[in-house]
């Protein structure tokens, strides 16, 4: 794997773990508030990781991939929770 992919995978893992924790721990009426918190944490983690790398080439693409896939994962998790509940 290249360093570009390795810089976005931790945010995806954080989003997936956050979605699972929120789905199983939070009350159903508070689910959407906590999913928004997970997305905010993904955005902050994205910028922290990308800025710590100190590489400007491809920054926008890496940040977009990181946050975009995280948002799609959280949307899918929300759909599953809505259909299950």
C-alpha atoms as a PDB file:
ATOM      1  CA  UNK A   1       0.000   0.000   0.000  1.00  0.00           C
ATOM      2  CA  UNK A   2       1.151   3.503  -0.707  1.00  0.00           C
ATOM      3  CA  UNK A   3       1.517   6.194   1.932  1.00  0.00           C
ATOM      4  CA  UNK A   4      -1.532   8.011   0.532  1.00  0.00           C
ATOM      5  CA  UNK A   5      -3.805   5.068   1.267  1.00  0.00           C
ATOM      6  CA  UNK A   6      -2.210   4.487   4.647  1.00  0.00           C
ATOM      7  CA  UNK A   7      -2.983   8.083   5.599  1.00  0.00           C
ATOM      8  CA  UNK A   8      -6.746   7.711   5.070  1.00  0.00           C
ATOM      9  CA  UNK A   9      -7.386   4.193   6.378  1.00  0.00           C
ATOM     10  CA  UNK A  10      -7.125   5.156  10.091  1.00  0.00           C
ATOM     11  CA  UNK A  11      -9.987   7.624   9.675  1.00  0.00           C
ATOM     12  CA  UNK A  12     -12.117   4.967   8.002  1.00  0.00           C
ATOM     13  CA  UNK A  13     -11.413   2.584  10.874  1.00  0.00           C
ATOM     14  CA  UNK A  14     -12.280   5.330  13.379  1.00  0.00           C
ATOM     15  CA  UNK A  15     -15.571   5.976  11.587  1.00  0.00           C
ATOM     16  CA  UNK A  16     -16.491   2.308  11.452  1.00  0.00           C
ATOM     17  CA  UNK A  17     -15.633   1.783  15.113  1.00  0.00           C
ATOM     18  CA  UNK A  18     -17.550   4.923  16.080  1.00  0.00           C
ATOM     19  CA  UNK A  19     -20.610   3.821  14.110  1.00  0.00           C
ATOM     20  CA  UNK A  20     -20.577   0.407  15.789  1.00  0.00           C
ATOM     21  CA  UNK A  21     -20.164   1.868  19.268  1.00  0.00           C
ATOM     22  CA  UNK A  22     -22.934   4.393  18.725  1.00  0.00           C
ATOM     23  CA  UNK A  23     -25.250   1.770  17.227  1.00  0.00           C
ATOM     24  CA  UNK A  24     -24.887  -0.572  20.171  1.00  0.00           C
ATOM     25  CA  UNK A  25     -24.459   1.834  23.093  1.00  0.00           C
ATOM     26  CA  UNK A  26     -26.493   4.972  22.479  1.00  0.00           C
ATOM     27  CA  UNK A  27     -30.253   5.180  22.944  1.00  0.00           C
ATOM     28  CA  UNK A  28     -32.143   5.178  19.630  1.00  0.00           C
ATOM     29  CA  UNK A  29     -33.506   8.704  20.105  1.00  0.00           C
ATOM     30  CA  UNK A  30     -29.945  10.081  20.479  1.00  0.00           C
ATOM     31  CA  UNK A  31     -28.427   8.120  17.584  1.00  0.00           C
ATOM     32  CA  UNK A  32     -28.243  10.944  15.047  1.00  0.00           C
ATOM     33  CA  UNK A  33     -26.606  13.338  17.502  1.00  0.00           C
ATOM     34  CA  UNK A  34     -23.859  10.827  18.266  1.00  0.00           C
ATOM     35  CA  UNK A  35     -23.325   9.966  14.590  1.00  0.00           C
ATOM     36  CA  UNK A  36     -22.730  13.682  13.977  1.00  0.00           C
ATOM     37  CA  UNK A  37     -20.120  13.624  16.751  1.00  0.00           C
ATOM     38  CA  UNK A  38     -18.415  10.648  15.089  1.00  0.00           C
ATOM     39  CA  UNK A  39     -18.347  12.499  11.755  1.00  0.00           C
ATOM     40  CA  UNK A  40     -16.875  15.572  13.451  1.00  0.00           C
ATOM     41  CA  UNK A  41     -14.195  13.374  15.025  1.00  0.00           C
ATOM     42  CA  UNK A  42     -13.450  11.922  11.579  1.00  0.00           C
ATOM     43  CA  UNK A  43     -12.999  15.405  10.116  1.00  0.00           C
ATOM     44  CA  UNK A  44     -10.680  16.451  12.947  1.00  0.00           C
ATOM     45  CA  UNK A  45      -8.705  13.206  12.680  1.00  0.00           C
ATOM     46  CA  UNK A  46      -8.422  13.690   8.908  1.00  0.00           C
ATOM     47  CA  UNK A  47      -6.883  17.111   9.242  1.00  0.00           C
ATOM     48  CA  UNK A  48      -4.644  16.055  12.117  1.00  0.00           C
ATOM     49  CA  UNK A  49      -3.241  13.111  10.163  1.00  0.00           C
ATOM     50  CA  UNK A  50      -2.898  14.958   6.864  1.00  0.00           C
ATOM     51  CA  UNK A  51      -1.247  18.007   8.404  1.00  0.00           C
ATOM     52  CA  UNK A  52       1.099  15.831  10.462  1.00  0.00           C
ATOM     53  CA  UNK A  53       2.315  14.197   7.236  1.00  0.00           C
ATOM     54  CA  UNK A  54       3.597  17.569   5.966  1.00  0.00           C
ATOM     55  CA  UNK A  55       3.051  16.658   2.312  1.00  0.00           C
ATOM     56  CA  UNK A  56       1.132  19.140   0.220  1.00  0.00           C
ATOM     57  CA  UNK A  57       0.802  17.089  -2.955  1.00  0.00           C
ATOM     58  CA  UNK A  58      -2.571  15.375  -3.031  1.00  0.00           C
ATOM     59  CA  UNK A  59      -3.774  16.927   0.235  1.00  0.00           C
ATOM     60  CA  UNK A  60      -7.235  17.765  -1.070  1.00  0.00           C
ATOM     61  CA  UNK A  61      -7.720  14.332  -2.641  1.00  0.00           C
ATOM     62  CA  UNK A  62      -6.612  12.531   0.532  1.00  0.00           C
ATOM     63  CA  UNK A  63      -8.806  14.711   2.750  1.00  0.00           C
ATOM     64  CA  UNK A  64     -11.763  14.310   0.410  1.00  0.00           C
ATOM     65  CA  UNK A  65     -11.354  10.528   0.287  1.00  0.00           C
ATOM     66  CA  UNK A  66     -10.981  10.315   4.031  1.00  0.00           C
ATOM     67  CA  UNK A  67     -14.013  12.427   4.946  1.00  0.00           C
ATOM     68  CA  UNK A  68     -16.125  11.323   1.968  1.00  0.00           C
ATOM     69  CA  UNK A  69     -15.832   7.602   2.617  1.00  0.00           C
ATOM     70  CA  UNK A  70     -16.354   8.202   6.337  1.00  0.00           C
ATOM     71  CA  UNK A  71     -19.575  10.081   5.599  1.00  0.00           C
ATOM     72  CA  UNK A  72     -20.772   7.292   3.311  1.00  0.00           C
ATOM     73  CA  UNK A  73     -19.970   4.674   5.953  1.00  0.00           C
ATOM     74  CA  UNK A  74     -21.879   6.614   8.600  1.00  0.00           C
ATOM     75  CA  UNK A  75     -24.833   7.103   6.247  1.00  0.00           C
ATOM     76  CA  UNK A  76     -24.935   3.359   5.564  1.00  0.00           C
ATOM     77  CA  UNK A  77     -24.734   2.617   9.289  1.00  0.00           C
ATOM     78  CA  UNK A  78     -27.578   5.068   9.917  1.00  0.00           C
ATOM     79  CA  UNK A  79     -29.700   3.351   7.273  1.00  0.00           C
ATOM     80  CA  UNK A  80     -29.053  -0.050   8.848  1.00  0.00           C
ATOM     81  CA  UNK A  81     -29.955   1.235  12.304  1.00  0.00           C
ATOM     82  CA  UNK A  82     -33.106   2.906  10.964  1.00  0.00           C
ATOM     83  CA  UNK A  83     -34.226  -0.299   9.236  1.00  0.00           C
ATOM     84  CA  UNK A  84     -33.394  -2.461  12.256  1.00  0.00           C
ATOM     85  CA  UNK A  85     -35.079  -0.210  14.802  1.00  0.00           C
END
